Amino acid sequence: MLIVWSTYKRIRTGILRAVPWSFMVSRVATGVTQILFPYFLYRYFMKGNLSPAFLRYTGGADYITYIVLGSALNVLAVSTLMNVGRALITELREGTLEVLLLAPASRGPYFAGCLWEQTARALLEFGATLLVGALLGARLGPLFSLSALAAIGLAILSFFCMGLLLSGVMLRTRDTYITQNTLFVTMSLVCGVVFPIPYLPEWVQRLAQVFPLTPAVELFRSAVLRQEPLSAHPGWILQILLLSGLYLLAGVLWNRRLEKTMLENIFG
């Protein structure tokens, strides 16, 4: 816990002194834009009409609530992946990576501290997006049900595991913008954030299943829109847990190999 708290405190101090609002504002703006654009199309272009296919794919869901829930969870995914994924390359840019690699502290508590610090900010962004959606007419009454909160917890876990692998990829490629933006755009397009996945070609639908955001969004929507318990969808829960385990294993193995190579280069 000492490592977790020290990591949390160091990152939070840096954020408050350097960029207290810019990251939060940019991600909230992204989530709000994902809501506003479909909202105006729905209200003023489609005149509130939905095709039978949409109602069939979503189980008769309300469109505004549908896109608000997807966009809010996408903001949570982007926040978690960005903050955890950029952890090691930020250490490199600040000149503290060598100290971190030589420190006897375990990487697990370090990344747990990164997760703890970002979760507080990510939930604020998540809540701001939901608030804007509620003002536009989304029905979010069951949002604080046990099933909805558990779905959010599972989603954060899966995003964290995916972020561990992303952290190693960013450090290996020495790039953040191309890597993260390509991933985030792909996820927002194929994971059913603002429209049902069955609208996409079959091979894209299969691609969507490798991202934990896909089952997480479906599980979250089922808990809020239809007020269904998590036990009603064991397949989605199993998919989230399996993907989390695979990303966690890949991230740990990748980072260990990368750290070994970097330490050899330091002492070589």
C-alpha atoms as a PDB file:
ATOM      1  CA  MET A   1       0.000   0.000   0.000  1.00  0.00           C
ATOM      2  CA  LEU A   2       2.930   2.330   0.562  1.00  0.00           C
ATOM      3  CA  ILE A   3       3.919   1.945  -3.108  1.00  0.00           C
ATOM      4  CA  VAL A   4       0.320   2.408  -4.243  1.00  0.00           C
ATOM      5  CA  TRP A   5      -0.134   5.554  -2.153  1.00  0.00           C
ATOM      6  CA  SER A   6       3.243   7.028  -3.147  1.00  0.00           C
ATOM      7  CA  THR A   7       2.493   6.472  -6.841  1.00  0.00           C
ATOM      8  CA  TYR A   8      -0.972   7.971  -6.458  1.00  0.00           C
ATOM      9  CA  LYS A   9       0.349  11.018  -4.624  1.00  0.00           C
ATOM     10  CA  ARG A  10       3.172  11.659  -7.092  1.00  0.00           C
ATOM     11  CA  ILE A  11       0.937  11.434 -10.158  1.00  0.00           C
ATOM     12  CA  ARG A  12      -1.836  13.503  -8.585  1.00  0.00           C
ATOM     13  CA  THR A  13       0.641  16.238  -7.576  1.00  0.00           C
ATOM     14  CA  GLY A  14       2.016  16.390 -11.120  1.00  0.00           C
ATOM     15  CA  ILE A  15      -1.462  16.547 -12.650  1.00  0.00           C
ATOM     16  CA  LEU A  16      -2.652  19.308 -10.314  1.00  0.00           C
ATOM     17  CA  ARG A  17       0.430  21.425 -10.950  1.00  0.00           C
ATOM     18  CA  ALA A  18       0.876  20.874 -14.689  1.00  0.00           C
ATOM     19  CA  VAL A  19      -2.405  20.013 -16.444  1.00  0.00           C
ATOM     20  CA  PRO A  20      -5.232  20.113 -13.888  1.00  0.00           C
ATOM     21  CA  TRP A  21      -8.075  20.447 -16.388  1.00  0.00           C
ATOM     22  CA  SER A  22      -6.887  20.004 -19.974  1.00  0.00           C
ATOM     23  CA  PHE A  23      -7.032  16.191 -20.100  1.00  0.00           C
ATOM     24  CA  MET A  24     -10.406  16.079 -18.353  1.00  0.00           C
ATOM     25  CA  VAL A  25     -11.919  18.772 -20.564  1.00  0.00           C
ATOM     26  CA  SER A  26     -10.683  17.105 -23.750  1.00  0.00           C
ATOM     27  CA  ARG A  27     -12.116  13.702 -22.823  1.00  0.00           C
ATOM     28  CA  VAL A  28     -15.422  15.139 -21.619  1.00  0.00           C
ATOM     29  CA  ALA A  29     -15.624  17.102 -24.884  1.00  0.00           C
ATOM     30  CA  THR A  30     -15.047  13.871 -26.802  1.00  0.00           C
ATOM     31  CA  GLY A  31     -17.842  12.099 -24.934  1.00  0.00           C
ATOM     32  CA  VAL A  32     -20.240  15.045 -25.309  1.00  0.00           C
ATOM     33  CA  THR A  33     -19.483  15.252 -29.043  1.00  0.00           C
ATOM     34  CA  GLN A  34     -20.276  11.565 -29.414  1.00  0.00           C
ATOM     35  CA  ILE A  35     -23.662  12.328 -27.859  1.00  0.00           C
ATOM     36  CA  LEU A  36     -24.499  15.628 -29.573  1.00  0.00           C
ATOM     37  CA  PHE A  37     -23.828  14.582 -33.167  1.00  0.00           C
ATOM     38  CA  PRO A  38     -26.151  11.529 -33.106  1.00  0.00           C
ATOM     39  CA  TYR A  39     -28.655  13.507 -31.019  1.00  0.00           C
ATOM     40  CA  PHE A  40     -29.038  16.234 -33.638  1.00  0.00           C
ATOM     41  CA  LEU A  41     -29.252  13.662 -36.419  1.00  0.00           C
ATOM     42  CA  TYR A  42     -31.933  11.800 -34.513  1.00  0.00           C
ATOM     43  CA  ARG A  43     -33.986  14.866 -33.572  1.00  0.00           C
ATOM     44  CA  TYR A  44     -33.713  17.061 -36.655  1.00  0.00           C
ATOM     45  CA  PHE A  45     -32.769  14.767 -39.531  1.00  0.00           C
ATOM     46  CA  MET A  46     -34.549  11.487 -38.705  1.00  0.00           C
ATOM     47  CA  LYS A  47     -37.349  13.319 -36.840  1.00  0.00           C
ATOM     48  CA  GLY A  48     -37.180  10.808 -33.980  1.00  0.00           C
ATOM     49  CA  ASN A  49     -37.802   7.803 -36.219  1.00  0.00           C
ATOM     50  CA  LEU A  50     -35.947   4.522 -35.758  1.00  0.00           C
ATOM     51  CA  SER A  51     -35.745   1.622 -38.167  1.00  0.00           C
ATOM     52  CA  PRO A  52     -37.195  -1.765 -37.199  1.00  0.00           C
ATOM     53  CA  ALA A  53     -33.653  -3.185 -37.447  1.00  0.00           C
ATOM     54  CA  PHE A  54     -32.390  -0.850 -34.700  1.00  0.00           C
ATOM     55  CA  LEU A  55     -35.273  -1.755 -32.401  1.00  0.00           C
ATOM     56  CA  ARG A  56     -34.663  -5.436 -33.091  1.00  0.00           C
ATOM     57  CA  TYR A  57     -30.911  -5.253 -32.455  1.00  0.00           C
ATOM     58  CA  THR A  58     -31.308  -3.254 -29.233  1.00  0.00           C
ATOM     59  CA  GLY A  59     -34.446  -4.850 -27.841  1.00  0.00           C
ATOM     60  CA  GLY A  60     -36.509  -1.680 -28.316  1.00  0.00           C
ATOM     61  CA  ALA A  61     -34.060   0.596 -26.514  1.00  0.00           C
ATOM     62  CA  ASP A  62     -34.482   4.349 -26.325  1.00  0.00           C
ATOM     63  CA  TYR A  63     -31.966   5.825 -28.774  1.00  0.00           C
ATOM     64  CA  ILE A  64     -30.796   8.779 -26.674  1.00  0.00           C
ATOM     65  CA  THR A  65     -30.231   6.626 -23.607  1.00  0.00           C
ATOM     66  CA  TYR A  66     -28.524   4.049 -25.827  1.00  0.00           C
ATOM     67  CA  ILE A  67     -25.887   6.450 -27.168  1.00  0.00           C
ATOM     68  CA  VAL A  68     -25.387   8.222 -23.821  1.00  0.00           C
ATOM     69  CA  LEU A  69     -24.552   4.967 -22.026  1.00  0.00           C
ATOM     70  CA  GLY A  70     -22.193   3.861 -24.799  1.00  0.00           C
ATOM     71  CA  SER A  71     -20.426   7.213 -25.021  1.00  0.00           C
ATOM     72  CA  ALA A  72     -20.018   7.486 -21.235  1.00  0.00           C
ATOM     73  CA  LEU A  73     -18.441   4.041 -20.984  1.00  0.00           C
ATOM     74  CA  ASN A  74     -16.210   4.871 -23.954  1.00  0.00           C
ATOM     75  CA  VAL A  75     -14.970   7.959 -22.062  1.00  0.00           C
ATOM     76  CA  LEU A  76     -14.190   5.715 -19.092  1.00  0.00           C
ATOM     77  CA  ALA A  77     -12.287   3.314 -21.378  1.00  0.00           C
ATOM     78  CA  VAL A  78     -10.263   6.103 -23.000  1.00  0.00           C
ATOM     79  CA  SER A  79      -9.406   7.630 -19.616  1.00  0.00           C
ATOM     80  CA  THR A  80      -8.239   4.334 -18.120  1.00  0.00           C
ATOM     81  CA  LEU A  81      -6.298   3.216 -21.169  1.00  0.00           C
ATOM     82  CA  MET A  82      -4.647   6.582 -21.652  1.00  0.00           C
ATOM     83  CA  ASN A  83      -3.539   7.078 -18.050  1.00  0.00           C
ATOM     84  CA  VAL A  84      -2.371   3.520 -17.425  1.00  0.00           C
ATOM     85  CA  GLY A  85      -0.999   3.104 -20.943  1.00  0.00           C
ATOM     86  CA  ARG A  86       1.094   6.265 -20.789  1.00  0.00           C
ATOM     87  CA  ALA A  87       2.598   5.475 -17.365  1.00  0.00           C
ATOM     88  CA  LEU A  88       5.939   4.017 -18.444  1.00  0.00           C
ATOM     89  CA  ILE A  89       6.546   6.284 -21.421  1.00  0.00           C
ATOM     90  CA  THR A  90       5.807   9.278 -19.176  1.00  0.00           C
ATOM     91  CA  GLU A  91       8.512   8.007 -16.802  1.00  0.00           C
ATOM     92  CA  LEU A  92      10.847   7.807 -19.800  1.00  0.00           C
ATOM     93  CA  ARG A  93      10.093  11.348 -20.913  1.00  0.00           C
ATOM     94  CA  GLU A  94      10.525  12.712 -17.398  1.00  0.00           C
ATOM     95  CA  GLY A  95      13.862  10.921 -16.954  1.00  0.00           C
ATOM     96  CA  THR A  96      12.721   8.689 -14.094  1.00  0.00           C
ATOM     97  CA  LEU A  97      12.310   5.371 -15.930  1.00  0.00           C
ATOM     98  CA  GLU A  98      15.790   4.089 -15.045  1.00  0.00           C
ATOM     99  CA  VAL A  99      15.155   4.801 -11.367  1.00  0.00           C
ATOM    100  CA  LEU A 100      11.838   2.978 -11.583  1.00  0.00           C
ATOM    101  CA  LEU A 101      13.410  -0.065 -13.263  1.00  0.00           C
ATOM    102  CA  LEU A 102      16.176  -0.279 -10.663  1.00  0.00           C
ATOM    103  CA  ALA A 103      13.839   0.216  -7.709  1.00  0.00           C
ATOM    104  CA  PRO A 104      13.005  -2.918  -5.671  1.00  0.00           C
ATOM    105  CA  ALA A 105       9.289  -2.071  -5.731  1.00  0.00           C
ATOM    106  CA  SER A 106       6.975  -4.428  -7.589  1.00  0.00           C
ATOM    107  CA  ARG A 107       5.288  -3.226 -10.778  1.00  0.00           C
ATOM    108  CA  GLY A 108       1.870  -4.412  -9.585  1.00  0.00           C
ATOM    109  CA  PRO A 109       1.447  -1.803  -6.813  1.00  0.00           C
ATOM    110  CA  TYR A 110       2.914   0.835  -9.140  1.00  0.00           C
ATOM    111  CA  PHE A 111       0.260   0.247 -11.791  1.00  0.00           C
ATOM    112  CA  ALA A 112      -2.385  -0.083  -9.062  1.00  0.00           C
ATOM    113  CA  GLY A 113      -1.429   3.414  -7.911  1.00  0.00           C
ATOM    114  CA  CYS A 114      -1.753   4.658 -11.497  1.00  0.00           C
ATOM    115  CA  LEU A 115      -5.205   3.045 -11.699  1.00  0.00           C
ATOM    116  CA  TRP A 116      -6.325   4.514  -8.373  1.00  0.00           C
ATOM    117  CA  GLU A 117      -5.282   8.021  -9.345  1.00  0.00           C
ATOM    118  CA  GLN A 118      -6.882   7.938 -12.767  1.00  0.00           C
ATOM    119  CA  THR A 119     -10.112   6.277 -11.622  1.00  0.00           C
ATOM    120  CA  ALA A 120     -11.092   9.304  -9.542  1.00  0.00           C
ATOM    121  CA  ARG A 121     -10.637  11.607 -12.542  1.00  0.00           C
ATOM    122  CA  ALA A 122     -12.143   9.137 -14.998  1.00  0.00           C
ATOM    123  CA  LEU A 123     -15.309   8.801 -12.929  1.00  0.00           C
ATOM    124  CA  LEU A 124     -15.683  12.591 -12.941  1.00  0.00           C
ATOM    125  CA  GLU A 125     -15.456  12.573 -16.744  1.00  0.00           C
ATOM    126  CA  PHE A 126     -17.844   9.631 -16.858  1.00  0.00           C
ATOM    127  CA  GLY A 127     -20.316  11.460 -14.633  1.00  0.00           C
ATOM    128  CA  ALA A 128     -20.059  14.695 -16.631  1.00  0.00           C
ATOM    129  CA  THR A 129     -20.883  12.845 -19.843  1.00  0.00           C
ATOM    130  CA  LEU A 130     -23.887  11.171 -18.210  1.00  0.00           C
ATOM    131  CA  LEU A 131     -25.066  14.535 -16.859  1.00  0.00           C
ATOM    132  CA  VAL A 132     -25.050  16.077 -20.336  1.00  0.00           C
ATOM    133  CA  GLY A 133     -26.883  13.021 -21.624  1.00  0.00           C
ATOM    134  CA  ALA A 134     -29.516  13.351 -18.903  1.00  0.00           C
ATOM    135  CA  LEU A 135     -30.062  16.994 -19.875  1.00  0.00           C
ATOM    136  CA  LEU A 136     -30.689  15.817 -23.450  1.00  0.00           C
ATOM    137  CA  GLY A 137     -33.362  13.404 -22.318  1.00  0.00           C
ATOM    138  CA  ALA A 138     -31.582  10.139 -21.476  1.00  0.00           C
ATOM    139  CA  ARG A 139     -33.385   8.014 -18.895  1.00  0.00           C
ATOM    140  CA  LEU A 140     -30.711   7.093 -16.363  1.00  0.00           C
ATOM    141  CA  GLY A 141     -32.848   6.231 -13.345  1.00  0.00           C
ATOM    142  CA  PRO A 142     -31.431   2.689 -12.777  1.00  0.00           C
ATOM    143  CA  LEU A 143     -27.853   3.928 -13.146  1.00  0.00           C
ATOM    144  CA  PHE A 144     -27.005   3.350  -9.482  1.00  0.00           C
ATOM    145  CA  SER A 145     -28.359  -0.175  -9.289  1.00  0.00           C
ATOM    146  CA  LEU A 146     -26.044  -2.907  -8.045  1.00  0.00           C
ATOM    147  CA  SER A 147     -25.912  -4.504 -11.497  1.00  0.00           C
ATOM    148  CA  ALA A 148     -24.933  -1.231 -13.192  1.00  0.00           C
ATOM    149  CA  LEU A 149     -22.213  -0.499 -10.626  1.00  0.00           C
ATOM    150  CA  ALA A 150     -20.869  -4.046 -10.936  1.00  0.00           C
ATOM    151  CA  ALA A 151     -20.793  -3.674 -14.738  1.00  0.00           C
ATOM    152  CA  ILE A 152     -18.763  -0.458 -14.358  1.00  0.00           C
ATOM    153  CA  GLY A 153     -16.351  -2.261 -12.012  1.00  0.00           C
ATOM    154  CA  LEU A 154     -15.844  -5.107 -14.476  1.00  0.00           C
ATOM    155  CA  ALA A 155     -15.299  -2.588 -17.255  1.00  0.00           C
ATOM    156  CA  ILE A 156     -12.613  -0.715 -15.286  1.00  0.00           C
ATOM    157  CA  LEU A 157     -10.852  -4.008 -14.535  1.00  0.00           C
ATOM    158  CA  SER A 158     -10.792  -4.987 -18.202  1.00  0.00           C
ATOM    159  CA  PHE A 159      -9.606  -1.528 -19.321  1.00  0.00           C
ATOM    160  CA  PHE A 160      -6.826  -1.654 -16.719  1.00  0.00           C
ATOM    161  CA  CYS A 161      -5.596  -5.051 -17.966  1.00  0.00           C
ATOM    162  CA  MET A 162      -5.657  -3.800 -21.543  1.00  0.00           C
ATOM    163  CA  GLY A 163      -3.798  -0.666 -20.448  1.00  0.00           C
ATOM    164  CA  LEU A 164      -0.913  -2.763 -19.096  1.00  0.00           C
ATOM    165  CA  LEU A 165      -0.272  -4.166 -22.558  1.00  0.00           C
ATOM    166  CA  LEU A 166      -0.736  -0.743 -24.137  1.00  0.00           C
ATOM    167  CA  SER A 167       1.867   0.650 -21.727  1.00  0.00           C
ATOM    168  CA  GLY A 168       4.487  -1.768 -23.008  1.00  0.00           C
ATOM    169  CA  VAL A 169       3.554  -1.124 -26.631  1.00  0.00           C
ATOM    170  CA  MET A 170       3.892   2.632 -26.186  1.00  0.00           C
ATOM    171  CA  LEU A 171       7.255   2.251 -24.460  1.00  0.00           C
ATOM    172  CA  ARG A 172       8.526  -0.094 -27.168  1.00  0.00           C
ATOM    173  CA  THR A 173       7.418   2.126 -30.064  1.00  0.00           C
ATOM    174  CA  ARG A 174       8.291   5.385 -28.239  1.00  0.00           C
ATOM    175  CA  ASP A 175       4.949   6.725 -29.455  1.00  0.00           C
ATOM    176  CA  THR A 176       1.724   7.746 -27.746  1.00  0.00           C
ATOM    177  CA  TYR A 177      -0.396   9.740 -30.168  1.00  0.00           C
ATOM    178  CA  ILE A 178      -0.522   7.405 -33.168  1.00  0.00           C
ATOM    179  CA  THR A 179      -0.837   4.300 -30.986  1.00  0.00           C
ATOM    180  CA  GLN A 180      -3.526   5.568 -28.648  1.00  0.00           C
ATOM    181  CA  ASN A 181      -5.530   7.494 -31.238  1.00  0.00           C
ATOM    182  CA  THR A 182      -5.634   4.531 -33.613  1.00  0.00           C
ATOM    183  CA  LEU A 183      -6.838   2.300 -30.783  1.00  0.00           C
ATOM    184  CA  PHE A 184      -9.439   4.771 -29.489  1.00  0.00           C
ATOM    185  CA  VAL A 185     -10.905   5.536 -32.927  1.00  0.00           C
ATOM    186  CA  THR A 186     -11.126   1.826 -33.717  1.00  0.00           C
ATOM    187  CA  MET A 187     -12.852   1.066 -30.416  1.00  0.00           C
ATOM    188  CA  SER A 188     -15.366   3.900 -30.764  1.00  0.00           C
ATOM    189  CA  LEU A 189     -16.221   2.694 -34.265  1.00  0.00           C
ATOM    190  CA  VAL A 190     -16.525  -1.081 -33.870  1.00  0.00           C
ATOM    191  CA  CYS A 191     -17.519  -1.636 -30.217  1.00  0.00           C
ATOM    192  CA  GLY A 192     -21.139  -0.544 -30.465  1.00  0.00           C
ATOM    193  CA  VAL A 193     -20.711   2.786 -28.729  1.00  0.00           C
ATOM    194  CA  VAL A 194     -23.294   4.770 -30.751  1.00  0.00           C
ATOM    195  CA  PHE A 195     -24.868   2.115 -32.993  1.00  0.00           C
ATOM    196  CA  PRO A 196     -25.468  -1.647 -32.795  1.00  0.00           C
ATOM    197  CA  ILE A 197     -22.613  -3.893 -33.885  1.00  0.00           C
ATOM    198  CA  PRO A 198     -24.796  -5.982 -36.279  1.00  0.00           C
ATOM    199  CA  TYR A 199     -24.819  -2.993 -38.663  1.00  0.00           C
ATOM    200  CA  LEU A 200     -21.124  -3.678 -39.351  1.00  0.00           C
ATOM    201  CA  PRO A 201     -19.674  -6.294 -41.742  1.00  0.00           C
ATOM    202  CA  GLU A 202     -19.213  -9.730 -40.221  1.00  0.00           C
ATOM    203  CA  TRP A 203     -15.415  -9.569 -40.095  1.00  0.00           C
ATOM    204  CA  VAL A 204     -15.606  -6.219 -38.268  1.00  0.00           C
ATOM    205  CA  GLN A 205     -18.094  -7.731 -35.815  1.00  0.00           C
ATOM    206  CA  ARG A 206     -15.571 -10.467 -35.062  1.00  0.00           C
ATOM    207  CA  LEU A 207     -12.835  -7.846 -34.633  1.00  0.00           C
ATOM    208  CA  ALA A 208     -15.008  -6.016 -32.109  1.00  0.00           C
ATOM    209  CA  GLN A 209     -15.024  -9.053 -29.828  1.00  0.00           C
ATOM    210  CA  VAL A 210     -11.293  -8.696 -29.031  1.00  0.00           C
ATOM    211  CA  PHE A 211     -11.956  -5.400 -27.247  1.00  0.00           C
ATOM    212  CA  PRO A 212     -13.369  -5.652 -23.707  1.00  0.00           C
ATOM    213  CA  LEU A 213     -15.350  -2.468 -24.354  1.00  0.00           C
ATOM    214  CA  THR A 214     -17.747  -4.478 -26.555  1.00  0.00           C
ATOM    215  CA  PRO A 215     -19.163  -6.843 -23.884  1.00  0.00           C
ATOM    216  CA  ALA A 216     -18.786  -4.144 -21.207  1.00  0.00           C
ATOM    217  CA  VAL A 217     -21.056  -1.750 -23.114  1.00  0.00           C
ATOM    218  CA  GLU A 218     -23.647  -4.473 -23.688  1.00  0.00           C
ATOM    219  CA  LEU A 219     -23.576  -5.488 -20.025  1.00  0.00           C
ATOM    220  CA  PHE A 220     -23.863  -1.888 -18.848  1.00  0.00           C
ATOM    221  CA  ARG A 221     -26.770  -1.166 -21.180  1.00  0.00           C
ATOM    222  CA  SER A 222     -28.624  -4.310 -20.140  1.00  0.00           C
ATOM    223  CA  ALA A 223     -28.327  -3.268 -16.484  1.00  0.00           C
ATOM    224  CA  VAL A 224     -29.579   0.293 -17.095  1.00  0.00           C
ATOM    225  CA  LEU A 225     -31.955   0.040 -20.050  1.00  0.00           C
ATOM    226  CA  ARG A 226     -33.607  -3.269 -19.227  1.00  0.00           C
ATOM    227  CA  GLN A 227     -32.676  -3.432 -15.519  1.00  0.00           C
ATOM    228  CA  GLU A 228     -31.421  -6.982 -15.918  1.00  0.00           C
ATOM    229  CA  PRO A 229     -29.127  -8.609 -13.323  1.00  0.00           C
ATOM    230  CA  LEU A 230     -25.597  -9.533 -14.338  1.00  0.00           C
ATOM    231  CA  SER A 231     -26.462 -13.195 -13.883  1.00  0.00           C
ATOM    232  CA  ALA A 232     -28.707 -12.907 -16.944  1.00  0.00           C
ATOM    233  CA  HIS A 233     -25.630 -12.535 -19.174  1.00  0.00           C
ATOM    234  CA  PRO A 234     -22.920 -14.982 -18.048  1.00  0.00           C
ATOM    235  CA  GLY A 235     -21.475 -15.013 -21.568  1.00  0.00           C
ATOM    236  CA  TRP A 236     -20.585 -11.329 -21.505  1.00  0.00           C
ATOM    237  CA  ILE A 237     -19.132 -11.613 -18.004  1.00  0.00           C
ATOM    238  CA  LEU A 238     -17.024 -14.588 -19.059  1.00  0.00           C
ATOM    239  CA  GLN A 239     -15.838 -12.729 -22.160  1.00  0.00           C
ATOM    240  CA  ILE A 240     -14.780  -9.718 -20.073  1.00  0.00           C
ATOM    241  CA  LEU A 241     -12.903 -11.910 -17.596  1.00  0.00           C
ATOM    242  CA  LEU A 242     -11.202 -13.955 -20.338  1.00  0.00           C
ATOM    243  CA  LEU A 243     -10.120 -10.864 -22.247  1.00  0.00           C
ATOM    244  CA  SER A 244      -8.908  -9.275 -19.010  1.00  0.00           C
ATOM    245  CA  GLY A 245      -6.841 -12.358 -18.205  1.00  0.00           C
ATOM    246  CA  LEU A 246      -5.347 -12.525 -21.687  1.00  0.00           C
ATOM    247  CA  TYR A 247      -4.457  -8.834 -21.769  1.00  0.00           C
ATOM    248  CA  LEU A 248      -3.059  -9.036 -18.240  1.00  0.00           C
ATOM    249  CA  LEU A 249      -0.869 -12.021 -19.096  1.00  0.00           C
ATOM    250  CA  ALA A 250       0.318 -10.476 -22.354  1.00  0.00           C
ATOM    251  CA  GLY A 251       1.037  -7.150 -20.644  1.00  0.00           C
ATOM    252  CA  VAL A 252       3.011  -8.715 -17.774  1.00  0.00           C
ATOM    253  CA  LEU A 253       5.108 -10.905 -20.103  1.00  0.00           C
ATOM    254  CA  TRP A 254       5.693  -8.076 -22.580  1.00  0.00           C
ATOM    255  CA  ASN A 255       6.708  -5.590 -19.875  1.00  0.00           C
ATOM    256  CA  ARG A 256       9.034  -8.050 -18.139  1.00  0.00           C
ATOM    257  CA  ARG A 257      10.831  -8.818 -21.392  1.00  0.00           C
ATOM    258  CA  LEU A 258      10.999  -5.122 -22.262  1.00  0.00           C
ATOM    259  CA  GLU A 259      12.348  -4.178 -18.826  1.00  0.00           C
ATOM    260  CA  LYS A 260      14.999  -6.904 -19.051  1.00  0.00           C
ATOM    261  CA  THR A 261      16.146  -5.592 -22.412  1.00  0.00           C
ATOM    262  CA  MET A 262      16.255  -2.009 -21.155  1.00  0.00           C
ATOM    263  CA  LEU A 263      18.219  -2.970 -18.032  1.00  0.00           C
ATOM    264  CA  GLU A 264      20.731  -4.831 -20.188  1.00  0.00           C
ATOM    265  CA  ASN A 265      21.113  -1.721 -22.330  1.00  0.00           C
ATOM    266  CA  ILE A 266      21.602   0.454 -19.242  1.00  0.00           C
ATOM    267  CA  PHE A 267      24.353  -1.712 -17.782  1.00  0.00           C
ATOM    268  CA  GLY A 268      25.766  -2.722 -21.144  1.00  0.00           C
END
